[in-house]
Amino acid sequence: TVLRAMRRSYRQERFLGIIEKVRAAMPDA
């Protein structure tokens, strides 16, 4: 809800998905 009000064009699921992919490719990141 806040991200939408901020006009940030991603949501919680998308953000955590990026973190998960980064950690899968680079566990030490």
mmCIF file of all heavy atoms, coordinates in Angstrom:
data_MODEL
# 
_entry.id   MODEL 
# 
loop_
_atom_site.group_PDB 
_atom_site.id 
_atom_site.type_symbol 
_atom_site.label_atom_id 
_atom_site.label_alt_id 
_atom_site.label_comp_id 
_atom_site.label_asym_id 
_atom_site.label_entity_id 
_atom_site.label_seq_id 
_atom_site.pdbx_PDB_ins_code 
_atom_site.Cartn_x 
_atom_site.Cartn_y 
_atom_site.Cartn_z 
_atom_site.occupancy 
_atom_site.B_iso_or_equiv 
_atom_site.pdbx_formal_charge 
_atom_site.auth_seq_id 
_atom_site.auth_comp_id 
_atom_site.auth_asym_id 
_atom_site.auth_atom_id 
_atom_site.pdbx_PDB_model_num 
ATOM 1   N N   . THR A 1 1  ? 0.833  -1.208  0.000   1.00 0.00 ? 1  THR A N   1 
ATOM 2   C CA  . THR A 1 1  ? 0.000  0.000   0.000   1.00 0.00 ? 1  THR A CA  1 
ATOM 3   C C   . THR A 1 1  ? 0.863  1.251   0.000   1.00 0.00 ? 1  THR A C   1 
ATOM 4   O O   . THR A 1 1  ? 0.619  2.198   -0.765  1.00 0.00 ? 1  THR A O   1 
ATOM 5   C CB  . THR A 1 1  ? -0.926 0.008   1.229   1.00 0.00 ? 1  THR A CB  1 
ATOM 6   O OG1 . THR A 1 1  ? -1.755 -1.157  1.202   1.00 0.00 ? 1  THR A OG1 1 
ATOM 7   C CG2 . THR A 1 1  ? -1.809 1.251   1.235   1.00 0.00 ? 1  THR A CG2 1 
ATOM 8   N N   . VAL A 1 2  ? 1.877  1.270   0.839   1.00 0.00 ? 2  VAL A N   1 
ATOM 9   C CA  . VAL A 1 2  ? 2.762  2.442   0.913   1.00 0.00 ? 2  VAL A CA  1 
ATOM 10  C C   . VAL A 1 2  ? 3.602  2.551   -0.350  1.00 0.00 ? 2  VAL A C   1 
ATOM 11  O O   . VAL A 1 2  ? 3.805  3.658   -0.878  1.00 0.00 ? 2  VAL A O   1 
ATOM 12  C CB  . VAL A 1 2  ? 3.646  2.370   2.168   1.00 0.00 ? 2  VAL A CB  1 
ATOM 13  C CG1 . VAL A 1 2  ? 4.664  3.512   2.171   1.00 0.00 ? 2  VAL A CG1 1 
ATOM 14  C CG2 . VAL A 1 2  ? 2.798  2.432   3.428   1.00 0.00 ? 2  VAL A CG2 1 
ATOM 15  N N   . LEU A 1 3  ? 4.091  1.431   -0.855  1.00 0.00 ? 3  LEU A N   1 
ATOM 16  C CA  . LEU A 1 3  ? 4.871  1.467   -2.092  1.00 0.00 ? 3  LEU A CA  1 
ATOM 17  C C   . LEU A 1 3  ? 4.048  2.053   -3.227  1.00 0.00 ? 3  LEU A C   1 
ATOM 18  O O   . LEU A 1 3  ? 4.556  2.815   -4.063  1.00 0.00 ? 3  LEU A O   1 
ATOM 19  C CB  . LEU A 1 3  ? 5.348  0.058   -2.462  1.00 0.00 ? 3  LEU A CB  1 
ATOM 20  C CG  . LEU A 1 3  ? 6.445  -0.528  -1.570  1.00 0.00 ? 3  LEU A CG  1 
ATOM 21  C CD1 . LEU A 1 3  ? 6.663  -2.000  -1.896  1.00 0.00 ? 3  LEU A CD1 1 
ATOM 22  C CD2 . LEU A 1 3  ? 7.743  0.256   -1.731  1.00 0.00 ? 3  LEU A CD2 1 
ATOM 23  N N   . ARG A 1 4  ? 2.764  1.717   -3.257  1.00 0.00 ? 4  ARG A N   1 
ATOM 24  C CA  . ARG A 1 4  ? 1.889  2.276   -4.293  1.00 0.00 ? 4  ARG A CA  1 
ATOM 25  C C   . ARG A 1 4  ? 1.752  3.790   -4.110  1.00 0.00 ? 4  ARG A C   1 
ATOM 26  O O   . ARG A 1 4  ? 1.811  4.557   -5.073  1.00 0.00 ? 4  ARG A O   1 
ATOM 27  C CB  . ARG A 1 4  ? 0.520  1.597   -4.217  1.00 0.00 ? 4  ARG A CB  1 
ATOM 28  C CG  . ARG A 1 4  ? -0.399 1.899   -5.403  1.00 0.00 ? 4  ARG A CG  1 
ATOM 29  C CD  . ARG A 1 4  ? -1.690 1.090   -5.322  1.00 0.00 ? 4  ARG A CD  1 
ATOM 30  N NE  . ARG A 1 4  ? -1.431 -0.346  -5.400  1.00 0.00 ? 4  ARG A NE  1 
ATOM 31  C CZ  . ARG A 1 4  ? -1.587 -1.189  -4.397  1.00 0.00 ? 4  ARG A CZ  1 
ATOM 32  N NH1 . ARG A 1 4  ? -1.998 -0.758  -3.207  1.00 0.00 ? 4  ARG A NH1 1 
ATOM 33  N NH2 . ARG A 1 4  ? -1.329 -2.480  -4.557  1.00 0.00 ? 4  ARG A NH2 1 
ATOM 34  N N   . ALA A 1 5  ? 1.604  4.239   -2.862  1.00 0.00 ? 5  ALA A N   1 
ATOM 35  C CA  . ALA A 1 5  ? 1.496  5.674   -2.587  1.00 0.00 ? 5  ALA A CA  1 
ATOM 36  C C   . ALA A 1 5  ? 2.804  6.401   -2.890  1.00 0.00 ? 5  ALA A C   1 
ATOM 37  O O   . ALA A 1 5  ? 2.796  7.573   -3.260  1.00 0.00 ? 5  ALA A O   1 
ATOM 38  C CB  . ALA A 1 5  ? 1.098  5.899   -1.130  1.00 0.00 ? 5  ALA A CB  1 
ATOM 39  N N   . MET A 1 6  ? 3.905  5.692   -2.733  1.00 0.00 ? 6  MET A N   1 
ATOM 40  C CA  . MET A 1 6  ? 5.217  6.266   -3.058  1.00 0.00 ? 6  MET A CA  1 
ATOM 41  C C   . MET A 1 6  ? 5.481  6.288   -4.562  1.00 0.00 ? 6  MET A C   1 
ATOM 42  O O   . MET A 1 6  ? 6.449  6.878   -5.006  1.00 0.00 ? 6  MET A O   1 
ATOM 43  C CB  . MET A 1 6  ? 6.329  5.442   -2.381  1.00 0.00 ? 6  MET A CB  1 
ATOM 44  C CG  . MET A 1 6  ? 6.433  5.593   -0.886  1.00 0.00 ? 6  MET A CG  1 
ATOM 45  S SD  . MET A 1 6  ? 7.774  4.507   -0.267  1.00 0.00 ? 6  MET A SD  1 
ATOM 46  C CE  . MET A 1 6  ? 7.965  5.142   1.402   1.00 0.00 ? 6  MET A CE  1 
ATOM 47  N N   . ARG A 1 7  ? 4.642  5.601   -5.313  1.00 0.00 ? 7  ARG A N   1 
ATOM 48  C CA  . ARG A 1 7  ? 4.837  5.384   -6.752  1.00 0.00 ? 7  ARG A CA  1 
ATOM 49  C C   . ARG A 1 7  ? 6.111  4.588   -7.005  1.00 0.00 ? 7  ARG A C   1 
ATOM 50  O O   . ARG A 1 7  ? 6.866  4.884   -7.943  1.00 0.00 ? 7  ARG A O   1 
ATOM 51  C CB  . ARG A 1 7  ? 4.878  6.713   -7.505  1.00 0.00 ? 7  ARG A CB  1 
ATOM 52  C CG  . ARG A 1 7  ? 3.552  7.066   -8.154  1.00 0.00 ? 7  ARG A CG  1 
ATOM 53  C CD  . ARG A 1 7  ? 3.701  8.287   -9.045  1.00 0.00 ? 7  ARG A CD  1 
ATOM 54  N NE  . ARG A 1 7  ? 2.698  9.282   -8.706  1.00 0.00 ? 7  ARG A NE  1 
ATOM 55  C CZ  . ARG A 1 7  ? 2.843  10.590  -8.829  1.00 0.00 ? 7  ARG A CZ  1 
ATOM 56  N NH1 . ARG A 1 7  ? 3.987  11.067  -9.283  1.00 0.00 ? 7  ARG A NH1 1 
ATOM 57  N NH2 . ARG A 1 7  ? 1.881  11.407  -8.512  1.00 0.00 ? 7  ARG A NH2 1 
ATOM 58  N N   . ARG A 1 8  ? 6.328  3.586   -6.187  1.00 0.00 ? 8  ARG A N   1 
ATOM 59  C CA  . ARG A 1 8  ? 7.425  2.644   -6.394  1.00 0.00 ? 8  ARG A CA  1 
ATOM 60  C C   . ARG A 1 8  ? 6.846  1.471   -7.171  1.00 0.00 ? 8  ARG A C   1 
ATOM 61  O O   . ARG A 1 8  ? 5.937  0.786   -6.693  1.00 0.00 ? 8  ARG A O   1 
ATOM 62  C CB  . ARG A 1 8  ? 7.986  2.159   -5.062  1.00 0.00 ? 8  ARG A CB  1 
ATOM 63  C CG  . ARG A 1 8  ? 8.491  3.278   -4.165  1.00 0.00 ? 8  ARG A CG  1 
ATOM 64  C CD  . ARG A 1 8  ? 9.802  3.834   -4.608  1.00 0.00 ? 8  ARG A CD  1 
ATOM 65  N NE  . ARG A 1 8  ? 10.918 2.930   -4.356  1.00 0.00 ? 8  ARG A NE  1 
ATOM 66  C CZ  . ARG A 1 8  ? 12.170 3.210   -4.695  1.00 0.00 ? 8  ARG A CZ  1 
ATOM 67  N NH1 . ARG A 1 8  ? 12.455 4.342   -5.322  1.00 0.00 ? 8  ARG A NH1 1 
ATOM 68  N NH2 . ARG A 1 8  ? 13.138 2.351   -4.440  1.00 0.00 ? 8  ARG A NH2 1 
ATOM 69  N N   . SER A 1 9  ? 7.366  1.196   -8.327  1.00 0.00 ? 9  SER A N   1 
ATOM 70  C CA  . SER A 1 9  ? 6.739  0.241   -9.241  1.00 0.00 ? 9  SER A CA  1 
ATOM 71  C C   . SER A 1 9  ? 7.183  -1.206  -9.004  1.00 0.00 ? 9  SER A C   1 
ATOM 72  O O   . SER A 1 9  ? 7.512  -1.930  -9.934  1.00 0.00 ? 9  SER A O   1 
ATOM 73  C CB  . SER A 1 9  ? 7.013  0.641   -10.692 1.00 0.00 ? 9  SER A CB  1 
ATOM 74  O OG  . SER A 1 9  ? 8.398  0.863   -10.873 1.00 0.00 ? 9  SER A OG  1 
ATOM 75  N N   . TYR A 1 10 ? 7.234  -1.632  -7.755  1.00 0.00 ? 10 TYR A N   1 
ATOM 76  C CA  . TYR A 1 10 ? 7.470  -3.021  -7.384  1.00 0.00 ? 10 TYR A CA  1 
ATOM 77  C C   . TYR A 1 10 ? 6.703  -3.242  -6.082  1.00 0.00 ? 10 TYR A C   1 
ATOM 78  O O   . TYR A 1 10 ? 6.237  -2.288  -5.449  1.00 0.00 ? 10 TYR A O   1 
ATOM 79  C CB  . TYR A 1 10 ? 8.963  -3.314  -7.178  1.00 0.00 ? 10 TYR A CB  1 
ATOM 80  C CG  . TYR A 1 10 ? 9.593  -2.418  -6.137  1.00 0.00 ? 10 TYR A CG  1 
ATOM 81  C CD1 . TYR A 1 10 ? 9.608  -2.770  -4.788  1.00 0.00 ? 10 TYR A CD1 1 
ATOM 82  C CD2 . TYR A 1 10 ? 10.148 -1.198  -6.494  1.00 0.00 ? 10 TYR A CD2 1 
ATOM 83  C CE1 . TYR A 1 10 ? 10.148 -1.930  -3.831  1.00 0.00 ? 10 TYR A CE1 1 
ATOM 84  C CE2 . TYR A 1 10 ? 10.692 -0.355  -5.541  1.00 0.00 ? 10 TYR A CE2 1 
ATOM 85  C CZ  . TYR A 1 10 ? 10.688 -0.716  -4.214  1.00 0.00 ? 10 TYR A CZ  1 
ATOM 86  O OH  . TYR A 1 10 ? 11.216 0.115   -3.267  1.00 0.00 ? 10 TYR A OH  1 
ATOM 87  N N   . ARG A 1 11 ? 6.556  -4.494  -5.693  1.00 0.00 ? 11 ARG A N   1 
ATOM 88  C CA  . ARG A 1 11 ? 5.856  -4.810  -4.465  1.00 0.00 ? 11 ARG A CA  1 
ATOM 89  C C   . ARG A 1 11 ? 6.746  -5.726  -3.625  1.00 0.00 ? 11 ARG A C   1 
ATOM 90  O O   . ARG A 1 11 ? 7.797  -6.176  -4.052  1.00 0.00 ? 11 ARG A O   1 
ATOM 91  C CB  . ARG A 1 11 ? 4.502  -5.464  -4.771  1.00 0.00 ? 11 ARG A CB  1 
ATOM 92  C CG  . ARG A 1 11 ? 3.571  -4.564  -5.592  1.00 0.00 ? 11 ARG A CG  1 
ATOM 93  C CD  . ARG A 1 11 ? 3.167  -3.311  -4.835  1.00 0.00 ? 11 ARG A CD  1 
ATOM 94  N NE  . ARG A 1 11 ? 2.351  -2.401  -5.639  1.00 0.00 ? 11 ARG A NE  1 
ATOM 95  C CZ  . ARG A 1 11 ? 2.814  -1.288  -6.192  1.00 0.00 ? 11 ARG A CZ  1 
ATOM 96  N NH1 . ARG A 1 11 ? 4.101  -0.953  -6.058  1.00 0.00 ? 11 ARG A NH1 1 
ATOM 97  N NH2 . ARG A 1 11 ? 2.002  -0.503  -6.888  1.00 0.00 ? 11 ARG A NH2 1 
ATOM 98  N N   . GLN A 1 12 ? 6.289  -6.019  -2.418  1.00 0.00 ? 12 GLN A N   1 
ATOM 99  C CA  . GLN A 1 12 ? 7.087  -6.793  -1.478  1.00 0.00 ? 12 GLN A CA  1 
ATOM 100 C C   . GLN A 1 12 ? 7.560  -8.113  -2.079  1.00 0.00 ? 12 GLN A C   1 
ATOM 101 O O   . GLN A 1 12 ? 8.730  -8.488  -1.950  1.00 0.00 ? 12 GLN A O   1 
ATOM 102 C CB  . GLN A 1 12 ? 6.280  -7.070  -0.209  1.00 0.00 ? 12 GLN A CB  1 
ATOM 103 C CG  . GLN A 1 12 ? 7.017  -7.875  0.826   1.00 0.00 ? 12 GLN A CG  1 
ATOM 104 C CD  . GLN A 1 12 ? 6.138  -8.305  1.991   1.00 0.00 ? 12 GLN A CD  1 
ATOM 105 O OE1 . GLN A 1 12 ? 5.968  -9.496  2.223   1.00 0.00 ? 12 GLN A OE1 1 
ATOM 106 N NE2 . GLN A 1 12 ? 5.583  -7.349  2.730   1.00 0.00 ? 12 GLN A NE2 1 
ATOM 107 N N   . GLU A 1 13 ? 6.667  -8.820  -2.742  1.00 0.00 ? 13 GLU A N   1 
ATOM 108 C CA  . GLU A 1 13 ? 7.025  -10.123 -3.310  1.00 0.00 ? 13 GLU A CA  1 
ATOM 109 C C   . GLU A 1 13 ? 8.145  -9.989  -4.334  1.00 0.00 ? 13 GLU A C   1 
ATOM 110 O O   . GLU A 1 13 ? 9.076  -10.793 -4.365  1.00 0.00 ? 13 GLU A O   1 
ATOM 111 C CB  . GLU A 1 13 ? 5.791  -10.768 -3.950  1.00 0.00 ? 13 GLU A CB  1 
ATOM 112 C CG  . GLU A 1 13 ? 6.052  -12.166 -4.498  1.00 0.00 ? 13 GLU A CG  1 
ATOM 113 C CD  . GLU A 1 13 ? 4.811  -12.803 -5.088  1.00 0.00 ? 13 GLU A CD  1 
ATOM 114 O OE1 . GLU A 1 13 ? 3.760  -12.121 -5.149  1.00 0.00 ? 13 GLU A OE1 1 
ATOM 115 O OE2 . GLU A 1 13 ? 4.880  -13.976 -5.497  1.00 0.00 ? 13 GLU A OE2 1 
ATOM 116 N N   . ARG A 1 14 ? 8.065  -8.977  -5.173  1.00 0.00 ? 14 ARG A N   1 
ATOM 117 C CA  . ARG A 1 14 ? 9.089  -8.740  -6.185  1.00 0.00 ? 14 ARG A CA  1 
ATOM 118 C C   . ARG A 1 14 ? 10.431 -8.436  -5.517  1.00 0.00 ? 14 ARG A C   1 
ATOM 119 O O   . ARG A 1 14 ? 11.478 -8.970  -5.908  1.00 0.00 ? 14 ARG A O   1 
ATOM 120 C CB  . ARG A 1 14 ? 8.651  -7.587  -7.085  1.00 0.00 ? 14 ARG A CB  1 
ATOM 121 C CG  . ARG A 1 14 ? 9.749  -6.861  -7.856  1.00 0.00 ? 14 ARG A CG  1 
ATOM 122 C CD  . ARG A 1 14 ? 10.264 -7.647  -9.025  1.00 0.00 ? 14 ARG A CD  1 
ATOM 123 N NE  . ARG A 1 14 ? 11.166 -6.825  -9.831  1.00 0.00 ? 14 ARG A NE  1 
ATOM 124 C CZ  . ARG A 1 14 ? 12.126 -7.314  -10.591 1.00 0.00 ? 14 ARG A CZ  1 
ATOM 125 N NH1 . ARG A 1 14 ? 12.313 -8.615  -10.666 1.00 0.00 ? 14 ARG A NH1 1 
ATOM 126 N NH2 . ARG A 1 14 ? 12.902 -6.513  -11.294 1.00 0.00 ? 14 ARG A NH2 1 
ATOM 127 N N   . PHE A 1 15 ? 10.421 -7.593  -4.492  1.00 0.00 ? 15 PHE A N   1 
ATOM 128 C CA  . PHE A 1 15 ? 11.662 -7.219  -3.818  1.00 0.00 ? 15 PHE A CA  1 
ATOM 129 C C   . PHE A 1 15 ? 12.315 -8.438  -3.179  1.00 0.00 ? 15 PHE A C   1 
ATOM 130 O O   . PHE A 1 15 ? 13.513 -8.691  -3.369  1.00 0.00 ? 15 PHE A O   1 
ATOM 131 C CB  . PHE A 1 15 ? 11.377 -6.156  -2.753  1.00 0.00 ? 15 PHE A CB  1 
ATOM 132 C CG  . PHE A 1 15 ? 12.618 -5.603  -2.113  1.00 0.00 ? 15 PHE A CG  1 
ATOM 133 C CD1 . PHE A 1 15 ? 13.240 -4.469  -2.612  1.00 0.00 ? 15 PHE A CD1 1 
ATOM 134 C CD2 . PHE A 1 15 ? 13.184 -6.227  -0.999  1.00 0.00 ? 15 PHE A CD2 1 
ATOM 135 C CE1 . PHE A 1 15 ? 14.395 -3.967  -2.028  1.00 0.00 ? 15 PHE A CE1 1 
ATOM 136 C CE2 . PHE A 1 15 ? 14.335 -5.739  -0.412  1.00 0.00 ? 15 PHE A CE2 1 
ATOM 137 C CZ  . PHE A 1 15 ? 14.936 -4.608  -0.923  1.00 0.00 ? 15 PHE A CZ  1 
ATOM 138 N N   . LEU A 1 16 ? 11.556 -9.208  -2.414  1.00 0.00 ? 16 LEU A N   1 
ATOM 139 C CA  . LEU A 1 16 ? 12.119 -10.381 -1.764  1.00 0.00 ? 16 LEU A CA  1 
ATOM 140 C C   . LEU A 1 16 ? 12.567 -11.427 -2.785  1.00 0.00 ? 16 LEU A C   1 
ATOM 141 O O   . LEU A 1 16 ? 13.517 -12.174 -2.547  1.00 0.00 ? 16 LEU A O   1 
ATOM 142 C CB  . LEU A 1 16 ? 11.104 -10.978 -0.791  1.00 0.00 ? 16 LEU A CB  1 
ATOM 143 C CG  . LEU A 1 16 ? 10.865 -10.162 0.487   1.00 0.00 ? 16 LEU A CG  1 
ATOM 144 C CD1 . LEU A 1 16 ? 9.748  -10.776 1.313   1.00 0.00 ? 16 LEU A CD1 1 
ATOM 145 C CD2 . LEU A 1 16 ? 12.148 -10.050 1.316   1.00 0.00 ? 16 LEU A CD2 1 
ATOM 146 N N   . GLY A 1 17 ? 11.884 -11.470 -3.934  1.00 0.00 ? 17 GLY A N   1 
ATOM 147 C CA  . GLY A 1 17 ? 12.300 -12.375 -5.007  1.00 0.00 ? 17 GLY A CA  1 
ATOM 148 C C   . GLY A 1 17 ? 13.676 -12.033 -5.539  1.00 0.00 ? 17 GLY A C   1 
ATOM 149 O O   . GLY A 1 17 ? 14.480 -12.936 -5.850  1.00 0.00 ? 17 GLY A O   1 
ATOM 150 N N   . ILE A 1 18 ? 13.973 -10.740 -5.651  1.00 0.00 ? 18 ILE A N   1 
ATOM 151 C CA  . ILE A 1 18 ? 15.301 -10.311 -6.096  1.00 0.00 ? 18 ILE A CA  1 
ATOM 152 C C   . ILE A 1 18 ? 16.352 -10.733 -5.081  1.00 0.00 ? 18 ILE A C   1 
ATOM 153 O O   . ILE A 1 18 ? 17.410 -11.277 -5.438  1.00 0.00 ? 18 ILE A O   1 
ATOM 154 C CB  . ILE A 1 18 ? 15.341 -8.783  -6.302  1.00 0.00 ? 18 ILE A CB  1 
ATOM 155 C CG1 . ILE A 1 18 ? 14.445 -8.367  -7.464  1.00 0.00 ? 18 ILE A CG1 1 
ATOM 156 C CG2 . ILE A 1 18 ? 16.773 -8.311  -6.533  1.00 0.00 ? 18 ILE A CG2 1 
ATOM 157 C CD1 . ILE A 1 18 ? 14.272 -6.874  -7.593  1.00 0.00 ? 18 ILE A CD1 1 
ATOM 158 N N   . ILE A 1 19 ? 16.063 -10.496 -3.798  1.00 0.00 ? 19 ILE A N   1 
ATOM 159 C CA  . ILE A 1 19 ? 17.011 -10.870 -2.745  1.00 0.00 ? 19 ILE A CA  1 
ATOM 160 C C   . ILE A 1 19 ? 17.294 -12.372 -2.793  1.00 0.00 ? 19 ILE A C   1 
ATOM 161 O O   . ILE A 1 19 ? 18.444 -12.817 -2.675  1.00 0.00 ? 19 ILE A O   1 
ATOM 162 C CB  . ILE A 1 19 ? 16.461 -10.479 -1.360  1.00 0.00 ? 19 ILE A CB  1 
ATOM 163 C CG1 . ILE A 1 19 ? 16.178 -8.975  -1.289  1.00 0.00 ? 19 ILE A CG1 1 
ATOM 164 C CG2 . ILE A 1 19 ? 17.435 -10.904 -0.262  1.00 0.00 ? 19 ILE A CG2 1 
ATOM 165 C CD1 . ILE A 1 19 ? 17.363 -8.095  -1.529  1.00 0.00 ? 19 ILE A CD1 1 
ATOM 166 N N   . GLU A 1 20 ? 16.241 -13.160 -2.982  1.00 0.00 ? 20 GLU A N   1 
ATOM 167 C CA  . GLU A 1 20 ? 16.392 -14.615 -3.042  1.00 0.00 ? 20 GLU A CA  1 
ATOM 168 C C   . GLU A 1 20 ? 17.273 -15.027 -4.222  1.00 0.00 ? 20 GLU A C   1 
ATOM 169 O O   . GLU A 1 20 ? 18.144 -15.890 -4.093  1.00 0.00 ? 20 GLU A O   1 
ATOM 170 C CB  . GLU A 1 20 ? 15.013 -15.271 -3.157  1.00 0.00 ? 20 GLU A CB  1 
ATOM 171 C CG  . GLU A 1 20 ? 15.046 -16.788 -3.135  1.00 0.00 ? 20 GLU A CG  1 
ATOM 172 C CD  . GLU A 1 20 ? 13.672 -17.412 -3.211  1.00 0.00 ? 20 GLU A CD  1 
ATOM 173 O OE1 . GLU A 1 20 ? 12.673 -16.656 -3.233  1.00 0.00 ? 20 GLU A OE1 1 
ATOM 174 O OE2 . GLU A 1 20 ? 13.577 -18.658 -3.255  1.00 0.00 ? 20 GLU A OE2 1 
ATOM 175 N N   . LYS A 1 21 ? 17.062 -14.415 -5.382  1.00 0.00 ? 21 LYS A N   1 
ATOM 176 C CA  . LYS A 1 21 ? 17.872 -14.745 -6.559  1.00 0.00 ? 21 LYS A CA  1 
ATOM 177 C C   . LYS A 1 21 ? 19.336 -14.340 -6.362  1.00 0.00 ? 21 LYS A C   1 
ATOM 178 O O   . LYS A 1 21 ? 20.250 -15.074 -6.768  1.00 0.00 ? 21 LYS A O   1 
ATOM 179 C CB  . LYS A 1 21 ? 17.303 -14.048 -7.796  1.00 0.00 ? 21 LYS A CB  1 
ATOM 180 C CG  . LYS A 1 21 ? 16.002 -14.634 -8.306  1.00 0.00 ? 21 LYS A CG  1 
ATOM 181 C CD  . LYS A 1 21 ? 15.530 -13.896 -9.547  1.00 0.00 ? 21 LYS A CD  1 
ATOM 182 C CE  . LYS A 1 21 ? 14.256 -14.502 -10.104 1.00 0.00 ? 21 LYS A CE  1 
ATOM 183 N NZ  . LYS A 1 21 ? 13.778 -13.781 -11.310 1.00 0.00 ? 21 LYS A NZ  1 
ATOM 184 N N   . VAL A 1 22 ? 19.555 -13.177 -5.764  1.00 0.00 ? 22 VAL A N   1 
ATOM 185 C CA  . VAL A 1 22 ? 20.925 -12.719 -5.517  1.00 0.00 ? 22 VAL A CA  1 
ATOM 186 C C   . VAL A 1 22 ? 21.634 -13.687 -4.588  1.00 0.00 ? 22 VAL A C   1 
ATOM 187 O O   . VAL A 1 22 ? 22.790 -14.086 -4.822  1.00 0.00 ? 22 VAL A O   1 
ATOM 188 C CB  . VAL A 1 22 ? 20.925 -11.294 -4.936  1.00 0.00 ? 22 VAL A CB  1 
ATOM 189 C CG1 . VAL A 1 22 ? 22.321 -10.909 -4.424  1.00 0.00 ? 22 VAL A CG1 1 
ATOM 190 C CG2 . VAL A 1 22 ? 20.460 -10.283 -5.984  1.00 0.00 ? 22 VAL A CG2 1 
ATOM 191 N N   . ARG A 1 23 ? 20.950 -14.100 -3.534  1.00 0.00 ? 23 ARG A N   1 
ATOM 192 C CA  . ARG A 1 23 ? 21.580 -15.006 -2.563  1.00 0.00 ? 23 ARG A CA  1 
ATOM 193 C C   . ARG A 1 23 ? 21.818 -16.392 -3.169  1.00 0.00 ? 23 ARG A C   1 
ATOM 194 O O   . ARG A 1 23 ? 22.791 -17.067 -2.827  1.00 0.00 ? 23 ARG A O   1 
ATOM 195 C CB  . ARG A 1 23 ? 20.681 -15.115 -1.327  1.00 0.00 ? 23 ARG A CB  1 
ATOM 196 C CG  . ARG A 1 23 ? 20.638 -13.799 -0.528  1.00 0.00 ? 23 ARG A CG  1 
ATOM 197 C CD  . ARG A 1 23 ? 21.338 -13.952 0.818   1.00 0.00 ? 23 ARG A CD  1 
ATOM 198 N NE  . ARG A 1 23 ? 21.661 -12.643 1.395   1.00 0.00 ? 23 ARG A NE  1 
ATOM 199 C CZ  . ARG A 1 23 ? 20.807 -11.904 2.082   1.00 0.00 ? 23 ARG A CZ  1 
ATOM 200 N NH1 . ARG A 1 23 ? 19.580 -12.332 2.274   1.00 0.00 ? 23 ARG A NH1 1 
ATOM 201 N NH2 . ARG A 1 23 ? 21.195 -10.742 2.579   1.00 0.00 ? 23 ARG A NH2 1 
ATOM 202 N N   . ALA A 1 24 ? 20.932 -16.814 -4.074  1.00 0.00 ? 24 ALA A N   1 
ATOM 203 C CA  . ALA A 1 24 ? 21.129 -18.106 -4.726  1.00 0.00 ? 24 ALA A CA  1 
ATOM 204 C C   . ALA A 1 24 ? 22.370 -18.081 -5.609  1.00 0.00 ? 24 ALA A C   1 
ATOM 205 O O   . ALA A 1 24 ? 23.125 -19.057 -5.671  1.00 0.00 ? 24 ALA A O   1 
ATOM 206 C CB  . ALA A 1 24 ? 19.898 -18.467 -5.554  1.00 0.00 ? 24 ALA A CB  1 
ATOM 207 N N   . ALA A 1 25 ? 22.596 -16.965 -6.293  1.00 0.00 ? 25 ALA A N   1 
ATOM 208 C CA  . ALA A 1 25 ? 23.752 -16.842 -7.186  1.00 0.00 ? 25 ALA A CA  1 
ATOM 209 C C   . ALA A 1 25 ? 25.024 -16.494 -6.435  1.00 0.00 ? 25 ALA A C   1 
ATOM 210 O O   . ALA A 1 25 ? 26.124 -16.888 -6.840  1.00 0.00 ? 25 ALA A O   1 
ATOM 211 C CB  . ALA A 1 25 ? 23.470 -15.777 -8.251  1.00 0.00 ? 25 ALA A CB  1 
ATOM 212 N N   . MET A 1 26 ? 24.876 -15.743 -5.321  1.00 0.00 ? 26 MET A N   1 
ATOM 213 C CA  . MET A 1 26 ? 26.039 -15.278 -4.545  1.00 0.00 ? 26 MET A CA  1 
ATOM 214 C C   . MET A 1 26 ? 25.718 -15.423 -3.062  1.00 0.00 ? 26 MET A C   1 
ATOM 215 O O   . MET A 1 26 ? 25.291 -14.451 -2.424  1.00 0.00 ? 26 MET A O   1 
ATOM 216 C CB  . MET A 1 26 ? 26.342 -13.807 -4.894  1.00 0.00 ? 26 MET A CB  1 
ATOM 217 C CG  . MET A 1 26 ? 26.771 -13.577 -6.323  1.00 0.00 ? 26 MET A CG  1 
ATOM 218 S SD  . MET A 1 26 ? 26.742 -11.807 -6.782  1.00 0.00 ? 26 MET A SD  1 
ATOM 219 C CE  . MET A 1 26 ? 24.975 -11.565 -7.058  1.00 0.00 ? 26 MET A CE  1 
ATOM 220 N N   . PRO A 1 27 ? 25.891 -16.590 -2.492  1.00 0.00 ? 27 PRO A N   1 
ATOM 221 C CA  . PRO A 1 27 ? 25.537 -16.809 -1.080  1.00 0.00 ? 27 PRO A CA  1 
ATOM 222 C C   . PRO A 1 27 ? 26.246 -15.863 -0.115  1.00 0.00 ? 27 PRO A C   1 
ATOM 223 O O   . PRO A 1 27 ? 25.744 -15.606 0.982   1.00 0.00 ? 27 PRO A O   1 
ATOM 224 C CB  . PRO A 1 27 ? 25.953 -18.262 -0.835  1.00 0.00 ? 27 PRO A CB  1 
ATOM 225 C CG  . PRO A 1 27 ? 25.929 -18.895 -2.192  1.00 0.00 ? 27 PRO A CG  1 
ATOM 226 C CD  . PRO A 1 27 ? 26.369 -17.819 -3.137  1.00 0.00 ? 27 PRO A CD  1 
ATOM 227 N N   . ASP A 1 28 ? 27.409 -15.353 -0.521  1.00 0.00 ? 28 ASP A N   1 
ATOM 228 C CA  . ASP A 1 28 ? 28.177 -14.479 0.362   1.00 0.00 ? 28 ASP A CA  1 
ATOM 229 C C   . ASP A 1 28 ? 27.834 -13.004 0.182   1.00 0.00 ? 28 ASP A C   1 
ATOM 230 O O   . ASP A 1 28 ? 28.461 -12.136 0.788   1.00 0.00 ? 28 ASP A O   1 
ATOM 231 C CB  . ASP A 1 28 ? 29.675 -14.679 0.120   1.00 0.00 ? 28 ASP A CB  1 
ATOM 232 C CG  . ASP A 1 28 ? 30.071 -14.330 -1.319  1.00 0.00 ? 28 ASP A CG  1 
ATOM 233 O OD1 . ASP A 1 28 ? 29.205 -14.356 -2.214  1.00 0.00 ? 28 ASP A OD1 1 
ATOM 234 O OD2 . ASP A 1 28 ? 31.270 -14.034 -1.547  1.00 0.00 ? 28 ASP A OD2 1 
ATOM 235 N N   . ALA A 1 29 ? 26.837 -12.684 -0.625  1.00 0.00 ? 29 ALA A N   1 
ATOM 236 C CA  . ALA A 1 29 ? 26.521 -11.286 -0.918  1.00 0.00 ? 29 ALA A CA  1 
ATOM 237 C C   . ALA A 1 29 ? 26.072 -10.534 0.331   1.00 0.00 ? 29 ALA A C   1 
ATOM 238 O O   . ALA A 1 29 ? 25.277 -11.039 1.129   1.00 0.00 ? 29 ALA A O   1 
ATOM 239 C CB  . ALA A 1 29 ? 25.435 -11.208 -1.989  1.00 0.00 ? 29 ALA A CB  1 
# 
